[in-house]
Amino acid sequence: MYTETLLQKVVALTFIPGLNTVAALPVIRKCSGVEGLFLEKEKTLIRFCAEAGISLKPGARSQALALAEKELPHIEKHAIRICCAEESDYPFLLLQCTDAPFVLYYRGTLSDPAGKYLAVVGTRRASVRCKSRVHSLLEALAGYAPRPVVVSGLAFGIDISAHLAALEFGFTTYAVLGHGLHKVYPSEHRNTAERILAAGGALISEFPCTGETYKTHFLQRNRIVAGLSHGVLIAESAVQGGAMTTARIGVSYNRDVMAFPGRPEDLYARGCNLLIKFSMAALVEEAGDVAAVLNLTRRKSRRPTAEIPGLFPEDERKAELFALLSERGERALDDLSLLCGIPAGELNVLLLQLQLEGKVIALPGSRYGVR
């Protein structure tokens, strides 16, 4: 627990270029910690920084302290917690990455560092088919131990599908954001963010609330997604995109990178296929492939319950229907029939199954939505 004075100094490091990554740890240790860094004579500190290849401008500390003072009320208002690389609760894997942020802001709970962590990322323009694959993969992976923490970026497409599936099947999940924790972007995912916190997960960022948000921040946060994780699964991606950046960072961090294969003619499968083709990623067809990479063990199955033959057949269309409702929101029966290409009669049966499973609710006007 930080005193208010020390908290201000830790937050101030966020605003000092060069001292805001794990690479600055040797300088901070020479000063006997964060507090000592702000007490050190400026000439001595500049010399320490120069020896570490860091350029420090005169007066940088006082400017950073002033900015941190403005940040503190936001930290208190939004129940934001601070974790710096000097502390034992800083994520162990991330600490091995010299370009990782020295200071992490987070809301919620950071799990046991001895656990397993799996990043699941991909395109914002994800297909219903691939969202369904993510859903099915995590459903099956729930049958293995230890159950990994699912890490993603709360963006549209694959990210939000991974978070929702993680919540549904009892995984802890982390959302790494490209902005301060005073808001959630996209705003449509605010409810999911609150569910993540309620389920014991965390929202994580390196960015203060008072700073500007830039597009580059969303690429910058990808190194945290990769750095936190033992394995990085690219579910669907074009050759260019944020997910491919995360894959390359994962390789550079010596993480296990995995990918779903896709059809060669699909634009948003070409990135995954390329990673597999050049042996940058292991091919994943089922949960057992991920379990083998992460060294997970299948749980002993409980005594099977009686099933009524034919009542709830496993049907990929049902998973696709659920993924479609998760992505598009409430829809009328006729709209769903057109979007899915499923006759209304068959669609009613699938919707009834999803209602009985507690995943979908029926709304007035023959409309349906995700519970």
Protein backbone atom coordinates (compact mmCIF):
# COMPACT_ATOMS: atom_id res chain seq x y z
CA MET A 1 0.00 0.00 0.00
CA TYR A 2 1.51 3.31 -1.07
CA THR A 3 1.48 6.47 1.00
CA GLU A 4 0.01 9.40 -0.92
CA THR A 5 3.49 10.93 -1.33
CA LEU A 6 5.01 7.72 -2.71
CA LEU A 7 1.96 7.09 -4.91
CA GLN A 8 2.44 10.48 -6.54
CA LYS A 9 6.07 9.65 -7.26
CA VAL A 10 5.25 6.23 -8.72
CA VAL A 11 2.57 7.77 -10.96
CA ALA A 12 5.01 10.51 -11.97
CA LEU A 13 7.26 7.90 -13.59
CA THR A 14 4.49 7.41 -16.16
CA PHE A 15 5.19 10.95 -17.36
CA ILE A 16 8.99 10.69 -17.64
CA PRO A 17 10.11 9.35 -21.04
CA GLY A 18 12.88 6.81 -20.58
CA LEU A 19 12.02 6.01 -16.98
CA ASN A 20 8.58 4.58 -17.75
CA THR A 21 9.64 1.06 -18.77
CA VAL A 22 11.16 -1.95 -17.01
CA ALA A 23 14.45 -1.08 -18.75
CA ALA A 24 14.79 1.77 -16.23
CA LEU A 25 14.96 -0.63 -13.26
CA PRO A 26 18.79 -0.44 -12.99
CA VAL A 27 18.63 3.36 -12.69
CA ILE A 28 15.86 3.21 -10.09
CA ARG A 29 17.79 0.61 -8.08
CA LYS A 30 20.90 2.78 -8.13
CA CYS A 31 18.77 5.45 -6.50
CA SER A 32 17.52 2.93 -3.88
CA GLY A 33 13.99 2.92 -5.25
CA VAL A 34 11.37 5.28 -6.64
CA GLU A 35 11.45 7.61 -3.64
CA GLY A 36 15.24 7.84 -3.84
CA LEU A 37 15.04 8.67 -7.53
CA PHE A 38 13.10 11.84 -6.74
CA LEU A 39 15.53 12.75 -3.94
CA GLU A 40 18.70 12.14 -5.97
CA LYS A 41 20.71 15.14 -7.15
CA GLU A 42 19.84 16.00 -10.74
CA LYS A 43 23.42 15.77 -12.04
CA THR A 44 23.84 12.33 -10.48
CA LEU A 45 20.51 11.09 -11.86
CA ILE A 46 21.32 12.36 -15.34
CA ARG A 47 24.64 10.50 -15.12
CA PHE A 48 22.91 7.27 -14.01
CA CYS A 49 20.50 7.62 -16.92
CA ALA A 50 23.30 8.28 -19.41
CA GLU A 51 25.12 5.15 -18.24
CA ALA A 52 21.91 3.20 -18.96
CA GLY A 53 21.46 4.81 -22.38
CA ILE A 54 18.52 6.93 -21.20
CA SER A 55 18.24 10.62 -22.01
CA LEU A 56 16.75 12.65 -19.14
CA LYS A 57 15.92 16.33 -19.54
CA PRO A 58 16.63 18.70 -16.66
CA GLY A 59 13.46 19.46 -14.70
CA ALA A 60 11.66 16.32 -15.93
CA ARG A 61 10.94 15.13 -12.39
CA SER A 62 9.24 18.31 -11.20
CA GLN A 63 7.09 18.46 -14.34
CA ALA A 64 6.11 14.81 -13.90
CA LEU A 65 5.20 15.35 -10.23
CA ALA A 66 2.88 18.20 -11.23
CA LEU A 67 1.16 15.98 -13.81
CA ALA A 68 0.89 13.13 -11.29
CA GLU A 69 -0.79 15.45 -8.78
CA LYS A 70 -3.56 16.03 -11.34
CA GLU A 71 -3.85 12.27 -11.90
CA LEU A 72 -4.35 11.27 -8.24
CA PRO A 73 -8.02 12.40 -7.93
CA HIS A 74 -8.91 10.23 -10.95
CA ILE A 75 -7.17 7.24 -9.40
CA GLU A 76 -9.24 7.64 -6.24
CA LYS A 77 -12.51 8.35 -8.06
CA HIS A 78 -12.33 5.29 -10.32
CA ALA A 79 -10.85 2.86 -7.74
CA ILE A 80 -7.71 2.44 -9.85
CA ARG A 81 -4.84 0.50 -8.33
CA ILE A 82 -1.14 0.86 -9.08
CA CYS A 83 1.48 -1.82 -9.57
CA CYS A 84 5.09 -0.98 -10.37
CA ALA A 85 7.94 -3.20 -11.50
CA GLU A 86 9.62 -2.93 -8.10
CA GLU A 87 6.67 -4.61 -6.38
CA SER A 88 6.13 -8.35 -5.91
CA ASP A 89 2.61 -8.26 -7.39
CA TYR A 90 3.85 -7.02 -10.78
CA PRO A 91 3.08 -9.79 -13.34
CA PHE A 92 6.14 -12.05 -13.44
CA LEU A 93 6.14 -12.75 -17.19
CA LEU A 94 5.69 -9.08 -18.07
CA LEU A 95 8.65 -8.20 -15.86
CA GLN A 96 10.90 -10.17 -18.25
CA CYS A 97 10.11 -7.71 -21.07
CA THR A 98 12.37 -4.65 -20.88
CA ASP A 99 9.95 -2.51 -22.90
CA ALA A 100 7.03 -3.31 -20.58
CA PRO A 101 5.62 -0.35 -18.62
CA PHE A 102 7.29 0.31 -15.27
CA VAL A 103 3.89 1.31 -13.89
CA LEU A 104 0.65 -0.60 -14.50
CA TYR A 105 -2.72 0.90 -13.70
CA TYR A 106 -5.45 -1.63 -13.06
CA ARG A 107 -8.95 -2.10 -11.76
CA GLY A 108 -9.99 -5.42 -10.27
CA THR A 109 -7.67 -8.22 -9.22
CA LEU A 110 -4.33 -9.45 -10.56
CA SER A 111 -4.27 -13.23 -10.22
CA ASP A 112 -1.63 -15.58 -8.86
CA PRO A 113 1.54 -15.03 -10.95
CA ALA A 114 2.17 -18.79 -10.91
CA GLY A 115 -0.93 -19.42 -13.05
CA LYS A 116 -1.16 -19.88 -16.81
CA TYR A 117 -2.09 -17.03 -19.14
CA LEU A 118 -3.50 -17.31 -22.67
CA ALA A 119 -3.92 -14.32 -24.98
CA VAL A 120 -6.68 -14.64 -27.59
CA VAL A 121 -6.65 -11.90 -30.22
CA GLY A 122 -7.71 -11.27 -33.79
CA THR A 123 -9.39 -8.98 -36.25
CA ARG A 124 -12.16 -6.55 -35.33
CA ARG A 125 -13.93 -7.75 -38.49
CA ALA A 126 -14.23 -11.31 -37.22
CA SER A 127 -16.48 -13.79 -39.00
CA VAL A 128 -19.33 -15.46 -37.16
CA ARG A 129 -17.62 -18.77 -37.89
CA CYS A 130 -14.39 -17.77 -36.14
CA LYS A 131 -16.21 -16.27 -33.15
CA SER A 132 -17.94 -19.61 -32.83
CA ARG A 133 -14.55 -21.37 -32.93
CA VAL A 134 -13.28 -19.18 -30.08
CA HIS A 135 -16.43 -19.94 -28.11
CA SER A 136 -16.10 -23.69 -28.70
CA LEU A 137 -12.38 -23.70 -27.95
CA LEU A 138 -12.80 -22.05 -24.54
CA GLU A 139 -15.77 -24.27 -23.75
CA ALA A 140 -13.56 -27.33 -24.32
CA LEU A 141 -10.52 -25.76 -22.65
CA ALA A 142 -12.57 -25.37 -19.46
CA GLY A 143 -12.16 -29.11 -19.13
CA TYR A 144 -8.40 -28.73 -18.53
CA ALA A 145 -6.39 -27.66 -15.50
CA PRO A 146 -5.05 -25.27 -14.49
CA ARG A 147 -7.61 -23.04 -16.14
CA PRO A 148 -5.64 -20.20 -17.78
CA VAL A 149 -6.38 -16.51 -17.43
CA VAL A 150 -7.71 -15.31 -20.81
CA VAL A 151 -6.06 -12.04 -21.92
CA SER A 152 -7.39 -9.82 -24.71
CA GLY A 153 -8.04 -6.19 -25.63
CA LEU A 154 -11.84 -5.67 -25.26
CA ALA A 155 -12.06 -4.57 -28.91
CA PHE A 156 -14.80 -5.54 -31.35
CA GLY A 157 -14.54 -8.91 -33.06
CA ILE A 158 -12.31 -11.65 -31.67
CA ASP A 159 -11.36 -9.77 -28.48
CA ILE A 160 -14.86 -9.34 -27.13
CA SER A 161 -15.79 -12.88 -28.20
CA ALA A 162 -12.86 -14.21 -26.14
CA HIS A 163 -13.87 -12.19 -23.07
CA LEU A 164 -17.53 -13.24 -23.31
CA ALA A 165 -16.65 -16.92 -23.76
CA ALA A 166 -14.19 -16.71 -20.85
CA LEU A 167 -16.90 -15.28 -18.61
CA GLU A 168 -19.41 -17.88 -19.75
CA PHE A 169 -17.11 -20.83 -19.01
CA GLY A 170 -15.63 -19.63 -15.74
CA PHE A 171 -12.22 -18.31 -16.80
CA THR A 172 -10.67 -15.26 -15.17
CA THR A 173 -10.08 -12.71 -17.91
CA TYR A 174 -7.94 -9.57 -18.29
CA ALA A 175 -8.74 -6.73 -20.68
CA VAL A 176 -5.72 -4.62 -21.64
CA LEU A 177 -6.86 -1.15 -22.72
CA GLY A 178 -5.25 1.51 -24.88
CA HIS A 179 -6.38 4.43 -22.71
CA GLY A 180 -6.86 5.49 -19.11
CA LEU A 181 -9.13 3.44 -16.85
CA HIS A 182 -11.60 6.27 -16.30
CA LYS A 183 -13.48 5.07 -19.39
CA VAL A 184 -14.13 2.00 -21.53
CA TYR A 185 -13.67 2.03 -25.28
CA PRO A 186 -15.64 0.98 -27.18
CA SER A 187 -18.45 2.15 -24.92
CA GLU A 188 -20.63 -0.77 -26.10
CA HIS A 189 -18.36 -3.05 -24.07
CA ARG A 190 -18.77 -1.19 -20.78
CA ASN A 191 -21.12 -3.84 -19.43
CA THR A 192 -18.67 -6.61 -20.32
CA ALA A 193 -15.89 -4.67 -18.56
CA GLU A 194 -17.98 -4.56 -15.38
CA ARG A 195 -18.68 -8.29 -15.69
CA ILE A 196 -14.94 -8.93 -15.98
CA LEU A 197 -14.36 -7.08 -12.72
CA ALA A 198 -17.28 -8.80 -10.98
CA ALA A 199 -15.88 -12.20 -11.99
CA GLY A 200 -12.49 -11.50 -10.39
CA GLY A 201 -10.67 -10.30 -13.51
CA ALA A 202 -8.95 -7.02 -14.28
CA LEU A 203 -8.86 -4.04 -16.60
CA ILE A 204 -5.21 -3.08 -17.21
CA SER A 205 -3.54 -0.07 -18.79
CA GLU A 206 -0.23 1.77 -18.84
CA PHE A 207 -1.96 5.07 -19.62
CA PRO A 208 -3.06 7.70 -17.08
CA CYS A 209 -6.57 9.15 -17.10
CA THR A 210 -5.35 12.69 -17.72
CA GLY A 211 -3.31 11.86 -20.81
CA GLU A 212 -4.43 12.12 -24.43
CA THR A 213 -5.51 8.94 -26.23
CA TYR A 214 -3.86 8.22 -29.58
CA LYS A 215 -4.44 5.46 -32.13
CA THR A 216 -0.88 4.25 -31.59
CA HIS A 217 -1.78 3.42 -27.97
CA PHE A 218 -3.92 0.51 -29.16
CA LEU A 219 -0.91 -1.00 -30.94
CA GLN A 220 1.34 -0.14 -28.00
CA ARG A 221 -0.85 -2.10 -25.59
CA ASN A 222 -0.36 -5.26 -27.69
CA ARG A 223 3.07 -5.78 -26.12
CA ILE A 224 1.35 -5.99 -22.72
CA VAL A 225 -1.13 -8.57 -24.05
CA ALA A 226 1.76 -10.68 -25.36
CA GLY A 227 4.02 -10.02 -22.37
CA LEU A 228 1.43 -11.12 -19.82
CA SER A 229 0.82 -14.44 -21.54
CA HIS A 230 2.49 -17.84 -21.81
CA GLY A 231 0.75 -18.41 -25.14
CA VAL A 232 -0.76 -16.12 -27.78
CA LEU A 233 -3.56 -17.47 -30.00
CA ILE A 234 -4.26 -15.55 -33.21
CA ALA A 235 -7.82 -16.56 -34.02
CA GLU A 236 -8.37 -14.65 -37.27
CA SER A 237 -6.32 -11.94 -38.98
CA ALA A 238 -5.36 -10.43 -42.28
CA VAL A 239 -1.66 -10.23 -43.13
CA GLN A 240 -1.55 -6.70 -41.67
CA GLY A 241 -3.19 -5.75 -38.38
CA GLY A 242 -2.89 -5.46 -34.64
CA ALA A 243 -3.15 -9.21 -34.08
CA MET A 244 -0.17 -9.83 -36.35
CA THR A 245 1.76 -7.21 -34.40
CA THR A 246 0.90 -9.09 -31.21
CA ALA A 247 2.10 -12.33 -32.83
CA ARG A 248 5.43 -10.80 -33.83
CA ILE A 249 5.89 -9.34 -30.35
CA GLY A 250 5.03 -12.74 -28.87
CA VAL A 251 7.74 -14.37 -30.99
CA SER A 252 10.26 -11.71 -29.90
CA TYR A 253 9.35 -12.39 -26.25
CA ASN A 254 9.82 -16.14 -26.82
CA ARG A 255 6.13 -16.79 -26.16
CA ASP A 256 4.27 -19.76 -27.67
CA VAL A 257 2.31 -18.35 -30.62
CA MET A 258 -0.62 -20.34 -32.02
CA ALA A 259 -3.13 -19.78 -34.80
CA PHE A 260 -6.36 -21.16 -36.21
CA PRO A 261 -5.93 -22.19 -39.86
CA GLY A 262 -8.37 -20.74 -42.37
CA ARG A 263 -9.42 -20.94 -45.98
CA PRO A 264 -6.79 -19.45 -48.33
CA GLU A 265 -9.41 -17.33 -50.09
CA ASP A 266 -10.51 -15.63 -46.84
CA LEU A 267 -8.79 -12.26 -46.35
CA TYR A 268 -8.93 -12.52 -42.56
CA ALA A 269 -7.42 -16.01 -42.52
CA ARG A 270 -4.31 -15.14 -44.51
CA GLY A 271 -2.40 -13.78 -41.54
CA CYS A 272 -2.97 -16.94 -39.52
CA ASN A 273 -2.05 -19.15 -42.45
CA LEU A 274 1.12 -17.13 -43.01
CA LEU A 275 2.19 -17.55 -39.37
CA ILE A 276 1.65 -21.31 -39.60
CA LYS A 277 3.31 -21.58 -43.03
CA PHE A 278 6.53 -19.96 -41.80
CA SER A 279 6.53 -21.88 -38.49
CA MET A 280 5.93 -18.74 -36.43
CA ALA A 281 2.77 -20.25 -34.94
CA ALA A 282 1.59 -23.70 -33.97
CA LEU A 283 -1.56 -24.88 -35.73
CA VAL A 284 -4.61 -25.08 -33.45
CA GLU A 285 -7.60 -27.21 -34.44
CA GLU A 286 -8.95 -28.06 -31.00
CA ALA A 287 -8.55 -27.33 -27.30
CA GLY A 288 -6.11 -30.22 -26.89
CA ASP A 289 -3.62 -28.37 -29.14
CA VAL A 290 -3.64 -25.35 -26.82
CA ALA A 291 -3.49 -27.59 -23.76
CA ALA A 292 -0.40 -29.31 -25.13
CA VAL A 293 1.36 -25.98 -25.72
CA LEU A 294 0.48 -24.63 -22.25
CA ASN A 295 1.07 -27.99 -20.54
CA LEU A 296 -2.49 -28.25 -19.22
CA THR A 297 -4.02 -31.51 -18.00
CA ARG A 298 -7.49 -32.77 -18.81
CA ARG A 299 -9.73 -32.74 -15.74
CA LYS A 300 -11.31 -35.96 -14.62
CA SER A 301 -14.85 -36.02 -15.94
CA ARG A 302 -17.70 -36.15 -13.50
CA ARG A 303 -20.23 -38.92 -13.57
CA PRO A 304 -22.23 -38.38 -16.75
CA THR A 305 -25.81 -37.25 -16.39
CA ALA A 306 -28.60 -38.92 -18.29
CA GLU A 307 -29.28 -37.41 -21.69
CA ILE A 308 -32.41 -37.52 -23.77
CA PRO A 309 -31.30 -38.68 -27.23
CA GLY A 310 -31.84 -36.11 -29.94
CA LEU A 311 -33.21 -33.39 -27.67
CA PHE A 312 -30.17 -31.09 -27.78
CA PRO A 313 -27.97 -32.25 -30.67
CA GLU A 314 -24.63 -30.51 -31.00
CA ASP A 315 -25.19 -28.10 -33.83
CA GLU A 316 -22.67 -25.60 -35.12
CA ARG A 317 -25.56 -23.44 -36.27
CA LYS A 318 -26.58 -22.88 -32.66
CA ALA A 319 -23.12 -21.59 -31.77
CA GLU A 320 -23.13 -19.33 -34.84
CA LEU A 321 -26.56 -18.01 -33.89
CA PHE A 322 -25.37 -17.19 -30.37
CA ALA A 323 -22.25 -15.47 -31.76
CA LEU A 324 -24.39 -13.44 -34.16
CA LEU A 325 -26.67 -12.23 -31.34
CA SER A 326 -23.62 -11.40 -29.20
CA GLU A 327 -22.19 -9.31 -32.04
CA ARG A 328 -25.31 -7.64 -33.47
CA GLY A 329 -27.47 -7.32 -30.35
CA GLU A 330 -31.24 -7.80 -30.21
CA ARG A 331 -32.80 -9.02 -33.46
CA ALA A 332 -36.24 -9.92 -34.75
CA LEU A 333 -36.88 -13.52 -35.78
CA ASP A 334 -37.21 -12.60 -39.45
CA ASP A 335 -33.92 -10.66 -39.38
CA LEU A 336 -32.14 -13.60 -37.79
CA SER A 337 -33.54 -15.96 -40.40
CA LEU A 338 -32.19 -13.76 -43.20
CA LEU A 339 -28.79 -13.25 -41.55
CA CYS A 340 -28.30 -16.93 -40.74
CA GLY A 341 -29.97 -18.42 -43.78
CA ILE A 342 -31.99 -20.71 -41.52
CA PRO A 343 -35.75 -21.22 -42.04
CA ALA A 344 -37.90 -19.69 -39.30
CA GLY A 345 -39.17 -23.08 -38.13
CA GLU A 346 -35.68 -24.48 -37.55
CA LEU A 347 -34.57 -21.16 -36.09
CA ASN A 348 -37.31 -21.34 -33.46
CA VAL A 349 -35.97 -24.71 -32.31
CA LEU A 350 -32.40 -23.37 -32.00
CA LEU A 351 -33.59 -20.28 -30.14
CA LEU A 352 -35.60 -22.44 -27.74
CA GLN A 353 -32.50 -24.52 -27.00
CA LEU A 354 -30.47 -21.38 -26.31
CA GLN A 355 -33.21 -20.08 -24.01
CA LEU A 356 -33.29 -23.33 -22.06
CA GLU A 357 -29.50 -23.13 -21.72
CA GLY A 358 -29.88 -19.65 -20.25
CA LYS A 359 -27.94 -17.93 -23.05
CA VAL A 360 -30.75 -16.13 -24.89
CA ILE A 361 -33.92 -14.36 -23.81
CA ALA A 362 -37.14 -13.85 -25.77
CA LEU A 363 -38.28 -10.23 -25.97
CA PRO A 364 -41.57 -8.59 -27.03
CA GLY A 365 -42.24 -8.43 -30.76
CA SER A 366 -40.63 -11.78 -31.60
CA ARG A 367 -37.19 -10.36 -30.81
CA TYR A 368 -34.30 -12.17 -29.17
CA GLY A 369 -31.16 -11.07 -27.35
CA VAL A 370 -28.24 -12.45 -25.36
CA ARG A 371 -28.93 -12.83 -21.65
